[in-house]
C-alpha atoms as a PDB file:
ATOM      1  CA  MET A   1     -30.723 -83.736   4.843  1.00  0.00           C
ATOM      2  CA  SER A   2     -32.303 -82.423   1.665  1.00  0.00           C
ATOM      3  CA  ASP A   3     -35.842 -82.929   0.352  1.00  0.00           C
ATOM      4  CA  PHE A   4     -37.042 -83.266  -3.216  1.00  0.00           C
ATOM      5  CA  PRO A   5     -40.877 -83.054  -3.377  1.00  0.00           C
ATOM      6  CA  LEU A   6     -42.519 -85.196  -6.029  1.00  0.00           C
ATOM      7  CA  GLN A   7     -46.193 -85.791  -6.810  1.00  0.00           C
ATOM      8  CA  LEU A   8     -47.273 -89.396  -7.323  1.00  0.00           C
ATOM      9  CA  ARG A   9     -50.798 -90.664  -7.742  1.00  0.00           C
ATOM     10  CA  PHE A  10     -51.864 -93.558  -5.545  1.00  0.00           C
ATOM     11  CA  GLU A  11     -55.193 -94.936  -6.726  1.00  0.00           C
ATOM     12  CA  LEU A  12     -56.788 -95.431  -3.332  1.00  0.00           C
ATOM     13  CA  GLN A  13     -60.480 -94.571  -3.443  1.00  0.00           C
ATOM     14  CA  GLY A  14     -59.699 -91.671  -5.740  1.00  0.00           C
ATOM     15  CA  ASP A  15     -57.318 -89.832  -3.394  1.00  0.00           C
ATOM     16  CA  ASP A  16     -53.940 -88.354  -4.308  1.00  0.00           C
ATOM     17  CA  TYR A  17     -51.014 -88.786  -1.943  1.00  0.00           C
ATOM     18  CA  ARG A  18     -47.769 -86.861  -1.896  1.00  0.00           C
ATOM     19  CA  LEU A  19     -44.377 -88.520  -2.062  1.00  0.00           C
ATOM     20  CA  VAL A  20     -41.410 -86.752  -0.488  1.00  0.00           C
ATOM     21  CA  GLU A  21     -37.963 -87.990  -1.422  1.00  0.00           C
ATOM     22  CA  ARG A  22     -35.207 -87.506   1.118  1.00  0.00           C
ATOM     23  CA  VAL A  23     -31.542 -87.923   0.270  1.00  0.00           C
ATOM     24  CA  SER A  24     -29.870 -88.489   3.621  1.00  0.00           C
ATOM     25  CA  ARG A  25     -26.227 -88.336   4.620  1.00  0.00           C
ATOM     26  CA  ARG A  26     -26.973 -90.595   7.577  1.00  0.00           C
ATOM     27  CA  ALA A  27     -29.144 -93.237   5.908  1.00  0.00           C
ATOM     28  CA  ARG A  28     -27.428 -96.560   5.321  1.00  0.00           C
ATOM     29  CA  ASN A  29     -30.324 -98.262   3.587  1.00  0.00           C
ATOM     30  CA  LEU A  30     -33.338 -97.456   1.465  1.00  0.00           C
ATOM     31  CA  ARG A  31     -36.615 -97.165   3.333  1.00  0.00           C
ATOM     32  CA  VAL A  32     -40.225 -96.169   2.697  1.00  0.00           C
ATOM     33  CA  GLU A  33     -42.296 -94.485   5.410  1.00  0.00           C
ATOM     34  CA  VAL A  34     -46.044 -93.885   5.391  1.00  0.00           C
ATOM     35  CA  ARG A  35     -46.773 -90.984   7.712  1.00  0.00           C
ATOM     36  CA  PRO A  36     -49.999 -90.535   9.726  1.00  0.00           C
ATOM     37  CA  ASP A  37     -50.955 -87.575   7.506  1.00  0.00           C
ATOM     38  CA  GLY A  38     -50.855 -89.842   4.414  1.00  0.00           C
ATOM     39  CA  GLU A  39     -47.504 -88.555   3.198  1.00  0.00           C
ATOM     40  CA  VAL A  40     -45.204 -91.224   1.746  1.00  0.00           C
ATOM     41  CA  ARG A  41     -41.489 -90.680   2.334  1.00  0.00           C
ATOM     42  CA  LEU A  42     -38.763 -92.319   0.332  1.00  0.00           C
ATOM     43  CA  VAL A  43     -35.430 -92.038   2.159  1.00  0.00           C
ATOM     44  CA  TYR A  44     -32.188 -93.163   0.556  1.00  0.00           C
ATOM     45  CA  PRO A  45     -28.421 -92.669   0.956  1.00  0.00           C
ATOM     46  CA  ARG A  46     -26.557 -90.276  -1.313  1.00  0.00           C
ATOM     47  CA  TRP A  47     -24.770 -93.131  -3.009  1.00  0.00           C
ATOM     48  CA  VAL A  48     -28.054 -94.691  -4.227  1.00  0.00           C
ATOM     49  CA  SER A  49     -29.333 -93.428  -7.575  1.00  0.00           C
ATOM     50  CA  ARG A  50     -32.761 -91.878  -7.800  1.00  0.00           C
ATOM     51  CA  SER A  51     -33.896 -94.456 -10.358  1.00  0.00           C
ATOM     52  CA  ARG A  52     -32.923 -97.279  -7.993  1.00  0.00           C
ATOM     53  CA  ALA A  53     -34.751 -95.577  -5.120  1.00  0.00           C
ATOM     54  CA  LEU A  54     -37.933 -95.209  -7.177  1.00  0.00           C
ATOM     55  CA  ALA A  55     -37.683 -98.836  -8.244  1.00  0.00           C
ATOM     56  CA  PHE A  56     -37.408 -99.777  -4.562  1.00  0.00           C
ATOM     57  CA  LEU A  57     -40.576 -97.771  -3.894  1.00  0.00           C
ATOM     58  CA  HIS A  58     -42.515 -99.489  -6.661  1.00  0.00           C
ATOM     59  CA  GLU A  59     -41.396-102.905  -5.414  1.00  0.00           C
ATOM     60  CA  ARG A  60     -43.204-102.037  -2.189  1.00  0.00           C
ATOM     61  CA  ASP A  61     -46.253-100.588  -3.863  1.00  0.00           C
ATOM     62  CA  GLY A  62     -48.582-103.184  -2.312  1.00  0.00           C
ATOM     63  CA  TRP A  63     -47.339-102.464   1.200  1.00  0.00           C
ATOM     64  CA  VAL A  64     -47.722 -98.695   0.672  1.00  0.00           C
ATOM     65  CA  ARG A  65     -51.293 -99.133  -0.562  1.00  0.00           C
ATOM     66  CA  GLU A  66     -52.099-101.339   2.421  1.00  0.00           C
ATOM     67  CA  LYS A  67     -50.762 -98.760   4.898  1.00  0.00           C
ATOM     68  CA  LEU A  68     -52.587 -95.922   3.166  1.00  0.00           C
ATOM     69  CA  GLY A  69     -55.775 -97.969   3.334  1.00  0.00           C
ATOM     70  CA  GLU A  70     -55.279 -98.528   7.060  1.00  0.00           C
ATOM     71  CA  LEU A  71     -54.768 -94.799   7.589  1.00  0.00           C
ATOM     72  CA  GLN A  72     -57.902 -93.999   5.661  1.00  0.00           C
ATOM     73  CA  GLN A  73     -59.870 -96.454   7.789  1.00  0.00           C
ATOM     74  CA  GLN A  74     -58.470 -94.886  10.954  1.00  0.00           C
ATOM     75  CA  ARG A  75     -59.469 -91.422   9.745  1.00  0.00           C
ATOM     76  CA  GLN A  76     -62.993 -92.632   9.114  1.00  0.00           C
ATOM     77  CA  GLN A  77     -63.168 -94.117  12.603  1.00  0.00           C
ATOM     78  CA  ARG A  78     -61.970 -90.810  14.080  1.00  0.00           C
ATOM     79  CA  ALA A  79     -64.288 -88.768  11.889  1.00  0.00           C
ATOM     80  CA  VAL A  80     -64.614 -85.213  13.094  1.00  0.00           C
ATOM     81  CA  PRO A  81     -68.214 -83.952  13.268  1.00  0.00           C
ATOM     82  CA  ARG A  82     -68.947 -80.822  11.284  1.00  0.00           C
ATOM     83  CA  LEU A  83     -70.521 -77.944  13.154  1.00  0.00           C
ATOM     84  CA  SER A  84     -74.293 -77.850  12.749  1.00  0.00           C
ATOM     85  CA  TRP A  85     -74.918 -74.953  15.177  1.00  0.00           C
ATOM     86  CA  ASP A  86     -77.935 -76.620  16.765  1.00  0.00           C
ATOM     87  CA  ASP A  87     -76.445 -77.000  20.252  1.00  0.00           C
ATOM     88  CA  SER A  88     -75.512 -80.614  19.590  1.00  0.00           C
ATOM     89  CA  ASP A  89     -71.976 -79.630  18.559  1.00  0.00           C
ATOM     90  CA  VAL A  90     -68.745 -80.679  20.210  1.00  0.00           C
ATOM     91  CA  LEU A  91     -65.277 -79.248  19.739  1.00  0.00           C
ATOM     92  CA  LEU A  92     -61.882 -80.653  20.636  1.00  0.00           C
ATOM     93  CA  TYR A  93     -60.196 -78.473  23.244  1.00  0.00           C
ATOM     94  CA  GLU A  94     -57.067 -79.381  25.216  1.00  0.00           C
ATOM     95  CA  GLY A  95     -57.464 -83.004  24.179  1.00  0.00           C
ATOM     96  CA  ARG A  96     -61.133 -83.313  25.235  1.00  0.00           C
ATOM     97  CA  ARG A  97     -64.340 -83.145  23.234  1.00  0.00           C
ATOM     98  CA  LEU A  98     -66.403 -80.437  24.902  1.00  0.00           C
ATOM     99  CA  PRO A  99     -69.969 -79.332  24.158  1.00  0.00           C
ATOM    100  CA  LEU A 100     -70.156 -76.123  22.112  1.00  0.00           C
ATOM    101  CA  LEU A 101     -73.254 -74.118  22.989  1.00  0.00           C
ATOM    102  CA  ARG A 102     -74.830 -70.926  21.632  1.00  0.00           C
ATOM    103  CA  LEU A 103     -76.146 -68.456  24.172  1.00  0.00           C
ATOM    104  CA  PRO A 104     -77.952 -65.167  23.569  1.00  0.00           C
ATOM    105  CA  ALA A 105     -76.223 -62.173  25.092  1.00  0.00           C
ATOM    106  CA  LEU A 106     -75.927 -58.441  24.754  1.00  0.00           C
ATOM    107  CA  GLY A 107     -72.746 -56.793  23.625  1.00  0.00           C
ATOM    108  CA  ARG A 108     -70.030 -58.040  21.324  1.00  0.00           C
ATOM    109  CA  PRO A 109     -70.016 -61.740  20.336  1.00  0.00           C
ATOM    110  CA  GLN A 110     -67.387 -63.728  22.180  1.00  0.00           C
ATOM    111  CA  LEU A 111     -66.214 -67.220  23.016  1.00  0.00           C
ATOM    112  CA  ARG A 112     -66.334 -68.176  26.685  1.00  0.00           C
ATOM    113  CA  ILE A 113     -64.212 -71.149  27.702  1.00  0.00           C
ATOM    114  CA  GLY A 114     -65.338 -73.155  30.687  1.00  0.00           C
ATOM    115  CA  THR A 115     -63.984 -76.289  32.294  1.00  0.00           C
ATOM    116  CA  GLU A 116     -66.743 -78.508  30.922  1.00  0.00           C
ATOM    117  CA  GLN A 117     -68.095 -76.651  27.881  1.00  0.00           C
ATOM    118  CA  LEU A 118     -67.470 -73.884  25.374  1.00  0.00           C
ATOM    119  CA  GLU A 119     -70.037 -71.127  24.991  1.00  0.00           C
ATOM    120  CA  LEU A 120     -70.546 -68.724  22.112  1.00  0.00           C
ATOM    121  CA  LEU A 121     -72.255 -65.580  23.369  1.00  0.00           C
ATOM    122  CA  ALA A 122     -73.914 -63.498  20.680  1.00  0.00           C
ATOM    123  CA  PRO A 123     -76.974 -61.325  20.046  1.00  0.00           C
ATOM    124  CA  ALA A 124     -80.074 -63.431  19.454  1.00  0.00           C
ATOM    125  CA  ALA A 125     -80.323 -62.304  15.826  1.00  0.00           C
ATOM    126  CA  MET A 126     -76.863 -63.684  15.154  1.00  0.00           C
ATOM    127  CA  LEU A 127     -77.374 -67.160  16.610  1.00  0.00           C
ATOM    128  CA  ALA A 128     -78.734 -68.505  13.319  1.00  0.00           C
ATOM    129  CA  ASP A 129     -75.864 -67.096  11.234  1.00  0.00           C
ATOM    130  CA  ALA A 130     -73.454 -70.044  10.991  1.00  0.00           C
ATOM    131  CA  ALA A 131     -70.760 -68.148   9.099  1.00  0.00           C
ATOM    132  CA  ARG A 132     -70.571 -65.351  11.658  1.00  0.00           C
ATOM    133  CA  LEU A 133     -70.634 -67.793  14.551  1.00  0.00           C
ATOM    134  CA  GLU A 134     -67.733 -69.722  13.077  1.00  0.00           C
ATOM    135  CA  THR A 135     -65.793 -66.479  12.648  1.00  0.00           C
ATOM    136  CA  VAL A 136     -66.342 -65.644  16.314  1.00  0.00           C
ATOM    137  CA  LEU A 137     -65.280 -69.166  17.275  1.00  0.00           C
ATOM    138  CA  ARG A 138     -62.081 -69.015  15.238  1.00  0.00           C
ATOM    139  CA  GLN A 139     -61.192 -65.583  16.594  1.00  0.00           C
ATOM    140  CA  GLY A 140     -61.810 -66.726  20.157  1.00  0.00           C
ATOM    141  CA  LEU A 141     -59.652 -69.827  19.768  1.00  0.00           C
ATOM    142  CA  LEU A 142     -56.859 -67.846  18.123  1.00  0.00           C
ATOM    143  CA  ARG A 143     -56.949 -65.307  20.944  1.00  0.00           C
ATOM    144  CA  GLN A 144     -56.801 -68.050  23.572  1.00  0.00           C
ATOM    145  CA  ALA A 145     -53.964 -69.817  21.744  1.00  0.00           C
ATOM    146  CA  LYS A 146     -51.947 -66.574  21.728  1.00  0.00           C
ATOM    147  CA  LEU A 147     -52.478 -66.110  25.453  1.00  0.00           C
ATOM    148  CA  GLN A 148     -51.412 -69.661  26.270  1.00  0.00           C
ATOM    149  CA  ALA A 149     -48.472 -69.585  23.872  1.00  0.00           C
ATOM    150  CA  ALA A 150     -47.200 -66.309  25.354  1.00  0.00           C
ATOM    151  CA  ARG A 151     -47.461 -67.717  28.876  1.00  0.00           C
ATOM    152  CA  LEU A 152     -45.660 -70.925  27.941  1.00  0.00           C
ATOM    153  CA  LEU A 153     -42.843 -69.097  26.171  1.00  0.00           C
ATOM    154  CA  GLU A 154     -42.375 -66.717  29.075  1.00  0.00           C
ATOM    155  CA  GLU A 155     -42.208 -69.524  31.636  1.00  0.00           C
ATOM    156  CA  GLU A 156     -40.019 -71.873  29.623  1.00  0.00           C
ATOM    157  CA  ALA A 157     -37.669 -69.155  28.342  1.00  0.00           C
ATOM    158  CA  ALA A 158     -37.014 -68.101  31.934  1.00  0.00           C
ATOM    159  CA  ARG A 159     -36.187 -71.687  32.881  1.00  0.00           C
ATOM    160  CA  LEU A 160     -33.899 -72.065  29.874  1.00  0.00           C
ATOM    161  CA  GLY A 161     -32.257 -68.676  30.297  1.00  0.00           C
ATOM    162  CA  VAL A 162     -32.998 -67.578  26.724  1.00  0.00           C
ATOM    163  CA  ARG A 163     -34.891 -64.723  25.072  1.00  0.00           C
ATOM    164  CA  HIS A 164     -36.905 -64.987  21.899  1.00  0.00           C
ATOM    165  CA  ALA A 165     -37.602 -62.151  19.471  1.00  0.00           C
ATOM    166  CA  GLY A 166     -41.379 -62.427  19.440  1.00  0.00           C
ATOM    167  CA  LEU A 167     -44.341 -64.706  18.940  1.00  0.00           C
ATOM    168  CA  ARG A 168     -46.620 -65.307  15.983  1.00  0.00           C
ATOM    169  CA  VAL A 169     -49.606 -67.659  16.159  1.00  0.00           C
ATOM    170  CA  ASN A 170     -51.224 -68.750  12.896  1.00  0.00           C
ATOM    171  CA  ASP A 171     -52.466 -71.834  11.057  1.00  0.00           C
ATOM    172  CA  PRO A 172     -49.540 -73.379   9.133  1.00  0.00           C
ATOM    173  CA  ARG A 173     -50.166 -76.451   7.021  1.00  0.00           C
ATOM    174  CA  THR A 174     -46.987 -78.401   7.693  1.00  0.00           C
ATOM    175  CA  GLN A 175     -45.416 -77.282  10.987  1.00  0.00           C
ATOM    176  CA  TRP A 176     -46.572 -77.105  14.582  1.00  0.00           C
ATOM    177  CA  GLY A 177     -43.905 -74.577  15.341  1.00  0.00           C
ATOM    178  CA  SER A 178     -40.790 -72.881  14.014  1.00  0.00           C
ATOM    179  CA  CYS A 179     -38.005 -70.586  15.172  1.00  0.00           C
ATOM    180  CA  ASN A 180     -36.457 -68.376  12.508  1.00  0.00           C
ATOM    181  CA  PRO A 181     -32.814 -67.209  12.519  1.00  0.00           C
ATOM    182  CA  GLY A 182     -33.843 -63.942  14.145  1.00  0.00           C
ATOM    183  CA  GLY A 183     -35.450 -65.721  17.103  1.00  0.00           C
ATOM    184  CA  LEU A 184     -39.087 -65.210  16.106  1.00  0.00           C
ATOM    185  CA  ILE A 185     -41.174 -68.182  17.223  1.00  0.00           C
ATOM    186  CA  CYS A 186     -44.271 -69.228  15.285  1.00  0.00           C
ATOM    187  CA  LEU A 187     -46.797 -71.688  16.704  1.00  0.00           C
ATOM    188  CA  SER A 188     -49.978 -73.249  15.354  1.00  0.00           C
ATOM    189  CA  TRP A 189     -53.201 -72.238  17.081  1.00  0.00           C
ATOM    190  CA  ARG A 190     -54.339 -75.850  16.664  1.00  0.00           C
ATOM    191  CA  LEU A 191     -52.013 -76.830  19.513  1.00  0.00           C
ATOM    192  CA  LEU A 192     -54.818 -75.465  21.698  1.00  0.00           C
ATOM    193  CA  LEU A 193     -56.834 -78.518  20.676  1.00  0.00           C
ATOM    194  CA  ALA A 194     -54.117 -80.929  21.855  1.00  0.00           C
ATOM    195  CA  PRO A 195     -53.458 -81.915  25.474  1.00  0.00           C
ATOM    196  CA  PRO A 196     -51.721 -79.017  27.297  1.00  0.00           C
ATOM    197  CA  ALA A 197     -48.473 -80.985  27.698  1.00  0.00           C
ATOM    198  CA  VAL A 198     -48.254 -81.325  23.914  1.00  0.00           C
ATOM    199  CA  PHE A 199     -48.580 -77.546  23.511  1.00  0.00           C
ATOM    200  CA  ARG A 200     -45.845 -77.114  26.104  1.00  0.00           C
ATOM    201  CA  TYR A 201     -43.584 -79.599  24.314  1.00  0.00           C
ATOM    202  CA  VAL A 202     -43.748 -77.626  21.054  1.00  0.00           C
ATOM    203  CA  ALA A 203     -42.994 -74.380  22.907  1.00  0.00           C
ATOM    204  CA  VAL A 204     -40.009 -76.010  24.625  1.00  0.00           C
ATOM    205  CA  HIS A 205     -38.846 -77.508  21.334  1.00  0.00           C
ATOM    206  CA  GLU A 206     -38.767 -74.140  19.573  1.00  0.00           C
ATOM    207  CA  LEU A 207     -37.106 -72.344  22.472  1.00  0.00           C
ATOM    208  CA  CYS A 208     -34.342 -74.953  22.492  1.00  0.00           C
ATOM    209  CA  HIS A 209     -33.609 -73.965  18.897  1.00  0.00           C
ATOM    210  CA  LEU A 210     -32.411 -70.634  20.260  1.00  0.00           C
ATOM    211  CA  VAL A 211     -29.520 -72.615  21.725  1.00  0.00           C
ATOM    212  CA  HIS A 212     -29.073 -75.322  19.076  1.00  0.00           C
ATOM    213  CA  ARG A 213     -30.324 -74.555  15.566  1.00  0.00           C
ATOM    214  CA  ASP A 214     -30.311 -78.190  14.481  1.00  0.00           C
ATOM    215  CA  HIS A 215     -31.770 -81.460  15.710  1.00  0.00           C
ATOM    216  CA  SER A 216     -28.475 -82.785  16.984  1.00  0.00           C
ATOM    217  CA  SER A 217     -28.042 -84.985  20.030  1.00  0.00           C
ATOM    218  CA  ARG A 218     -27.181 -81.839  22.011  1.00  0.00           C
ATOM    219  CA  PHE A 219     -30.498 -80.305  21.002  1.00  0.00           C
ATOM    220  CA  TRP A 220     -32.524 -83.332  22.114  1.00  0.00           C
ATOM    221  CA  ALA A 221     -30.547 -83.551  25.346  1.00  0.00           C
ATOM    222  CA  LEU A 222     -31.520 -79.955  26.091  1.00  0.00           C
ATOM    223  CA  VAL A 223     -35.174 -80.670  25.314  1.00  0.00           C
ATOM    224  CA  GLY A 224     -34.962 -83.674  27.640  1.00  0.00           C
ATOM    225  CA  ARG A 225     -33.541 -81.603  30.482  1.00  0.00           C
ATOM    226  CA  GLN A 226     -36.318 -79.062  30.049  1.00  0.00           C
ATOM    227  CA  MET A 227     -39.069 -81.669  29.683  1.00  0.00           C
ATOM    228  CA  PRO A 228     -38.002 -85.204  30.623  1.00  0.00           C
ATOM    229  CA  ASP A 229     -41.162 -86.842  29.226  1.00  0.00           C
ATOM    230  CA  TYR A 230     -41.046 -84.972  25.895  1.00  0.00           C
ATOM    231  CA  GLU A 231     -40.896 -88.195  23.852  1.00  0.00           C
ATOM    232  CA  GLU A 232     -44.427 -89.087  24.969  1.00  0.00           C
ATOM    233  CA  HIS A 233     -45.787 -85.772  23.672  1.00  0.00           C
ATOM    234  CA  ARG A 234     -43.696 -85.877  20.525  1.00  0.00           C
ATOM    235  CA  ARG A 235     -45.160 -89.311  19.829  1.00  0.00           C
ATOM    236  CA  TRP A 236     -48.699 -87.990  20.433  1.00  0.00           C
ATOM    237  CA  LEU A 237     -48.177 -85.338  17.772  1.00  0.00           C
ATOM    238  CA  ARG A 238     -46.828 -87.915  15.347  1.00  0.00           C
ATOM    239  CA  ASP A 239     -49.717 -90.316  15.909  1.00  0.00           C
ATOM    240  CA  GLU A 240     -52.639 -87.988  16.633  1.00  0.00           C
ATOM    241  CA  GLY A 241     -51.612 -84.594  15.345  1.00  0.00           C
ATOM    242  CA  THR A 242     -53.039 -85.085  11.871  1.00  0.00           C
ATOM    243  CA  ALA A 243     -56.553 -85.218  13.329  1.00  0.00           C
ATOM    244  CA  LEU A 244     -56.142 -81.676  14.679  1.00  0.00           C
ATOM    245  CA  GLN A 245     -56.222 -80.452  11.092  1.00  0.00           C
ATOM    246  CA  ASP A 246     -59.725 -81.871  10.635  1.00  0.00           C
ATOM    247  CA  TRP A 247     -61.319 -79.629  13.257  1.00  0.00           C
ATOM    248  CA  LEU A 248     -62.426 -76.295  11.812  1.00  0.00           C
ATOM    249  CA  PRO A 249     -60.832 -76.908   8.390  1.00  0.00           C
ATOM    250  CA  ARG A 250     -58.995 -73.996   6.832  1.00  0.00           C
ATOM    251  CA  LEU A 251     -61.207 -71.600   4.977  1.00  0.00           C
ATOM    252  CA  GLN A 252     -61.002 -71.939   1.223  1.00  0.00           C
ATOM    253  CA  ARG A 253     -59.837 -68.711  -0.345  1.00  0.00           C
ATOM    254  CA  GLY A 254     -60.915 -67.606  -3.774  1.00  0.00           C
ATOM    255  CA  PRO A 255     -58.520 -66.935  -6.678  1.00  0.00           C
END
């Protein structure tokens, strides 16, 4: 399957939405998909011309706008609170919204993760510095995500009988995980915010790519043997994963 990115403007409360065209060897019919992240996909067989596919999209313009409107309404209903650093904050962690508290402490600032709350420990003079507190929070979450990812890969690789070439945890925009040809596995730290079984599913998914590099039926059969209920967690990511991007938005970098 090959992708041809294309920018289209959908006039929906002033927002721009991205259209991705997919020419598929397997597709038998034209179809339009509106993804939970607001991406619009136009999928068509190789024997259908691009002009015909775009005409098909425009014929369904009303339906696309309606679905985008529904998604926007859902995002508003699931609005993520911005951190105010006044001890009224909550943060999503392992699928639960937990209180995020600031506590004065000596020594280096750190994030302490409890079963019922998250605590930022920092010198008293630092507790009013929102930027530094957020840095400590991000670093603490990244560190925890690396620990959990390493544990998951070790356990699941042993069960699968495979070896990966290393682990990298970062904040990709479009993928929850990847496995490059050399066997290096990359995972998103934001999986720490999802239910633990979802994190495990992505780890299993990428490890299975060490055996099958595609998404063939053999690949999915292997995933199923490793994690029989994987479809439930895959569906959670499809339906709820977009909201993970709203917590602690990526820092805007200057030119």
